[in-house]
Amino acid sequence: MSDAAQPTAAEVRAAAEAVKAALDRHLAAVEGRTGDDDPAVYAAFNELAAAAEEYDELLYDRYDEVTPFEIPASEDPVPYAGPAEPSVFSVLIRRDYVVAEPQRLIAQADRVTVHDHDDPGAPGGTANALGVLFGEYEPDEIATRYKEFGLEEGDSTLWIATSEELPEPGEWLGTPFDHADPASVLHRFDVSSVFDDGFDEDEELEPLDS
């Protein structure tokens, strides 16, 4: 960026003041919240995120410095527009893992196949081992015992998306994750290292549950 296009020191200072004001508004909204889905909290969160992003950009452009914090934001903060009293819903889950100890993963798969009379052969590498283990155990059990399988957790998310009626049998099996309308997501639960270490993964995030 050329010197002529750089923001002035006064513009950076004004952006910093905007962040301070947005922080005050956000805290006031949280303190006065009327429920889990209080629109005032949602609006204050978005205002704070926008003010922080603006300040960070101006600070970098003017001084080549960045802020030491990041406000996580949903890529698609679409308000819920589904039925008020849903009778049909889908649960969409994504969990990321790293194979931290391949030999442990393979050894666990070996233990399964030893007792499998239909397929007594060793599972081979990690690709086959993953097929064996996820075929043997429920995903929730692997999520609670991931260290035993030589895995490390990454981010995870769970969405509860409502529908007007149950799809026909087999209707979405070919593309199971292509039909989630963000406006149908009633609740969302995220777990990520970008959040505080004390975050409880059973606690619903605000306002990322929209």
Protein backbone atom coordinates (compact mmCIF):
# COMPACT_ATOMS: atom_id res chain seq x y z
CA MET A 1 0.00 0.00 0.00
CA SER A 2 1.35 3.46 -0.86
CA ASP A 3 1.83 6.17 1.74
CA ALA A 4 -1.00 8.17 0.17
CA ALA A 5 -3.44 5.30 0.65
CA GLN A 6 -2.47 4.54 4.23
CA PRO A 7 -4.94 5.40 6.99
CA THR A 8 -4.04 8.30 9.21
CA ALA A 9 -3.10 7.96 12.86
CA ALA A 10 -6.40 9.65 13.70
CA GLU A 11 -8.33 6.99 11.75
CA VAL A 12 -6.55 4.22 13.63
CA ARG A 13 -7.30 5.97 16.93
CA ALA A 14 -10.95 6.34 15.96
CA ALA A 15 -11.14 2.63 15.10
CA ALA A 16 -9.66 1.78 18.51
CA GLU A 17 -12.30 3.93 20.20
CA ALA A 18 -14.98 2.14 18.17
CA VAL A 19 -13.73 -1.21 19.51
CA LYS A 20 -13.92 0.10 23.08
CA ALA A 21 -17.47 1.30 22.54
CA ALA A 22 -18.46 -2.00 20.92
CA LEU A 23 -17.01 -3.89 23.90
CA ASP A 24 -19.15 -1.83 26.27
CA ARG A 25 -22.26 -2.45 24.17
CA HIS A 26 -21.57 -6.17 24.00
CA LEU A 27 -21.08 -6.46 27.76
CA ALA A 28 -24.27 -4.48 28.40
CA ALA A 29 -26.20 -6.73 26.01
CA VAL A 30 -24.85 -9.88 27.70
CA GLU A 31 -25.65 -8.54 31.17
CA GLY A 32 -29.19 -7.67 30.08
CA ARG A 33 -29.87 -10.73 27.96
CA THR A 34 -33.44 -12.04 28.01
CA GLY A 35 -32.75 -15.61 26.82
CA ASP A 36 -30.43 -17.95 24.95
CA ASP A 37 -31.30 -16.40 21.58
CA ASP A 38 -31.43 -12.73 22.57
CA PRO A 39 -31.14 -10.73 19.30
CA ALA A 40 -29.46 -7.86 21.16
CA VAL A 41 -26.54 -10.13 22.10
CA TYR A 42 -26.31 -11.41 18.55
CA ALA A 43 -26.25 -7.87 17.13
CA ALA A 44 -23.69 -6.66 19.69
CA PHE A 45 -21.45 -9.63 18.91
CA ASN A 46 -21.48 -8.84 15.21
CA GLU A 47 -20.82 -5.16 15.85
CA LEU A 48 -17.86 -6.03 18.06
CA ALA A 49 -16.46 -8.45 15.47
CA ALA A 50 -16.77 -5.84 12.71
CA ALA A 51 -15.16 -3.10 14.83
CA ALA A 52 -12.28 -5.37 15.82
CA GLU A 53 -11.68 -6.41 12.22
CA GLU A 54 -11.68 -2.79 11.06
CA TYR A 55 -9.22 -1.77 13.77
CA ASP A 56 -6.95 -4.71 13.01
CA GLU A 57 -6.84 -3.82 9.31
CA LEU A 58 -6.13 -0.14 9.92
CA LEU A 59 -3.50 -0.92 12.55
CA TYR A 60 -1.71 -3.21 10.12
CA ASP A 61 -1.95 -0.78 7.20
CA ARG A 62 -0.65 2.14 9.25
CA TYR A 63 1.87 0.51 11.61
CA ASP A 64 2.41 -3.02 10.26
CA GLU A 65 1.13 -4.40 13.58
CA VAL A 66 -1.73 -6.74 14.47
CA THR A 67 -3.95 -7.26 17.51
CA PRO A 68 -3.26 -10.18 19.88
CA PHE A 69 -6.84 -11.41 19.84
CA GLU A 70 -9.28 -12.94 17.39
CA ILE A 71 -13.07 -12.99 17.65
CA PRO A 72 -14.38 -16.22 16.13
CA ALA A 73 -17.28 -15.69 13.77
CA SER A 74 -19.53 -17.94 11.79
CA GLU A 75 -18.88 -17.86 8.05
CA ASP A 76 -22.63 -18.01 7.48
CA PRO A 77 -24.40 -16.16 10.33
CA VAL A 78 -27.86 -16.75 8.86
CA PRO A 79 -30.81 -16.24 11.25
CA TYR A 80 -32.93 -19.32 11.92
CA ALA A 81 -35.99 -19.38 9.68
CA GLY A 82 -37.33 -22.89 10.30
CA PRO A 83 -40.48 -24.00 12.14
CA ALA A 84 -40.99 -22.68 15.67
CA GLU A 85 -41.97 -26.14 16.95
CA PRO A 86 -40.01 -28.62 14.79
CA SER A 87 -41.15 -32.22 14.61
CA VAL A 88 -38.50 -33.42 12.12
CA PHE A 89 -34.80 -32.66 12.36
CA SER A 90 -31.37 -33.86 11.19
CA VAL A 91 -28.14 -34.04 13.19
CA LEU A 92 -25.05 -33.13 11.15
CA ILE A 93 -21.67 -33.83 12.75
CA ARG A 94 -18.12 -33.19 11.67
CA ARG A 95 -15.09 -34.16 13.77
CA ASP A 96 -11.49 -33.74 12.60
CA TYR A 97 -8.64 -35.96 13.81
CA VAL A 98 -4.90 -36.33 13.30
CA VAL A 99 -3.34 -39.79 13.22
CA ALA A 100 -0.72 -39.03 15.88
CA GLU A 101 0.39 -42.63 16.51
CA PRO A 102 -0.11 -44.79 13.40
CA GLN A 103 1.20 -47.96 15.04
CA ARG A 104 -1.24 -47.63 17.92
CA LEU A 105 -4.09 -47.13 15.44
CA ILE A 106 -3.08 -50.20 13.46
CA ALA A 107 -2.61 -52.28 16.64
CA GLN A 108 -6.13 -51.45 17.79
CA ALA A 109 -7.49 -52.52 14.40
CA ASP A 110 -5.44 -55.74 14.63
CA ARG A 111 -7.20 -56.58 17.91
CA VAL A 112 -10.56 -56.27 16.19
CA THR A 113 -9.68 -58.40 13.17
CA VAL A 114 -8.16 -61.18 15.30
CA HIS A 115 -11.68 -61.92 16.54
CA ASP A 116 -13.34 -61.39 13.16
CA HIS A 117 -13.86 -64.81 11.61
CA ASP A 118 -15.18 -63.33 8.36
CA ASP A 119 -12.05 -61.23 7.81
CA PRO A 120 -9.22 -62.52 10.00
CA GLY A 121 -6.46 -60.78 8.05
CA ALA A 122 -4.46 -57.87 9.41
CA PRO A 123 -5.85 -54.45 8.42
CA GLY A 124 -2.57 -53.21 6.93
CA GLY A 125 -1.92 -49.45 6.99
CA THR A 126 -3.78 -46.59 8.60
CA ALA A 127 -6.34 -46.32 5.79
CA ASN A 128 -7.57 -49.87 6.36
CA ALA A 129 -7.26 -49.50 10.12
CA LEU A 130 -9.63 -46.53 10.08
CA GLY A 131 -12.17 -48.59 8.14
CA VAL A 132 -11.91 -51.44 10.65
CA LEU A 133 -12.25 -49.24 13.73
CA PHE A 134 -15.08 -47.05 12.48
CA GLY A 135 -16.84 -50.20 11.31
CA GLU A 136 -16.51 -51.72 14.76
CA TYR A 137 -17.12 -48.75 17.06
CA GLU A 138 -19.70 -46.00 17.13
CA PRO A 139 -18.26 -42.55 16.24
CA ASP A 140 -19.23 -41.24 19.69
CA GLU A 141 -17.22 -44.00 21.35
CA ILE A 142 -14.17 -43.17 19.23
CA ALA A 143 -14.66 -39.49 20.13
CA THR A 144 -14.42 -40.33 23.84
CA ARG A 145 -11.55 -42.84 23.44
CA TYR A 146 -9.57 -41.17 20.63
CA LYS A 147 -6.26 -41.27 22.54
CA GLU A 148 -6.53 -45.07 22.83
CA PHE A 149 -6.66 -45.21 19.03
CA GLY A 150 -3.59 -43.02 18.54
CA LEU A 151 -5.59 -39.99 17.44
CA GLU A 152 -5.55 -36.29 18.31
CA GLU A 153 -8.67 -34.12 18.18
CA GLY A 154 -9.12 -31.21 15.82
CA ASP A 155 -12.18 -28.97 15.50
CA SER A 156 -15.66 -30.41 15.73
CA THR A 157 -19.15 -29.11 15.10
CA LEU A 158 -22.68 -30.44 15.53
CA TRP A 159 -25.70 -28.89 13.84
CA ILE A 160 -29.37 -29.58 14.54
CA ALA A 161 -31.22 -28.69 11.35
CA THR A 162 -35.00 -28.80 11.13
CA SER A 163 -37.18 -29.97 8.26
CA GLU A 164 -40.83 -29.72 7.36
CA GLU A 165 -41.10 -33.46 6.71
CA LEU A 166 -38.94 -36.58 6.77
CA PRO A 167 -37.14 -37.16 3.43
CA GLU A 168 -37.98 -40.25 1.43
CA PRO A 169 -35.82 -43.31 2.26
CA GLY A 170 -32.51 -43.11 0.41
CA GLU A 171 -33.26 -39.62 -0.93
CA TRP A 172 -30.10 -37.91 0.33
CA LEU A 173 -27.69 -40.83 0.82
CA GLY A 174 -25.69 -39.96 -2.30
CA THR A 175 -24.97 -36.41 -1.10
CA PRO A 176 -25.71 -36.41 2.64
CA PHE A 177 -24.11 -33.05 3.45
CA ASP A 178 -25.29 -30.98 0.49
CA HIS A 179 -28.79 -30.20 1.69
CA ALA A 180 -28.20 -28.31 4.94
CA ASP A 181 -29.85 -24.91 4.60
CA PRO A 182 -28.11 -22.52 7.06
CA ALA A 183 -31.50 -20.96 7.81
CA SER A 184 -32.74 -24.35 9.05
CA VAL A 185 -30.00 -24.76 11.68
CA LEU A 186 -31.81 -24.47 15.01
CA HIS A 187 -28.79 -25.15 17.27
CA ARG A 188 -25.07 -25.37 16.67
CA PHE A 189 -22.33 -26.64 19.00
CA ASP A 190 -18.69 -25.92 18.10
CA VAL A 191 -15.45 -27.07 19.75
CA SER A 192 -12.17 -25.52 18.59
CA SER A 193 -8.80 -24.46 19.93
CA VAL A 194 -9.65 -20.87 18.96
CA PHE A 195 -11.96 -20.73 21.95
CA ASP A 196 -10.91 -20.43 25.59
CA ASP A 197 -9.39 -23.53 27.18
CA GLY A 198 -12.19 -23.53 29.71
CA PHE A 199 -14.92 -23.90 27.10
CA ASP A 200 -17.35 -26.73 27.81
CA GLU A 201 -18.07 -28.63 24.62
CA ASP A 202 -21.63 -29.33 25.86
CA GLU A 203 -22.27 -25.60 26.15
CA GLU A 204 -23.99 -23.96 23.19
CA LEU A 205 -22.02 -21.12 21.72
CA GLU A 206 -23.52 -17.68 21.41
CA PRO A 207 -24.26 -16.55 18.82
CA LEU A 208 -22.91 -19.36 16.65
CA ASP A 209 -26.06 -21.43 17.19
CA SER A 210 -27.97 -19.63 14.46
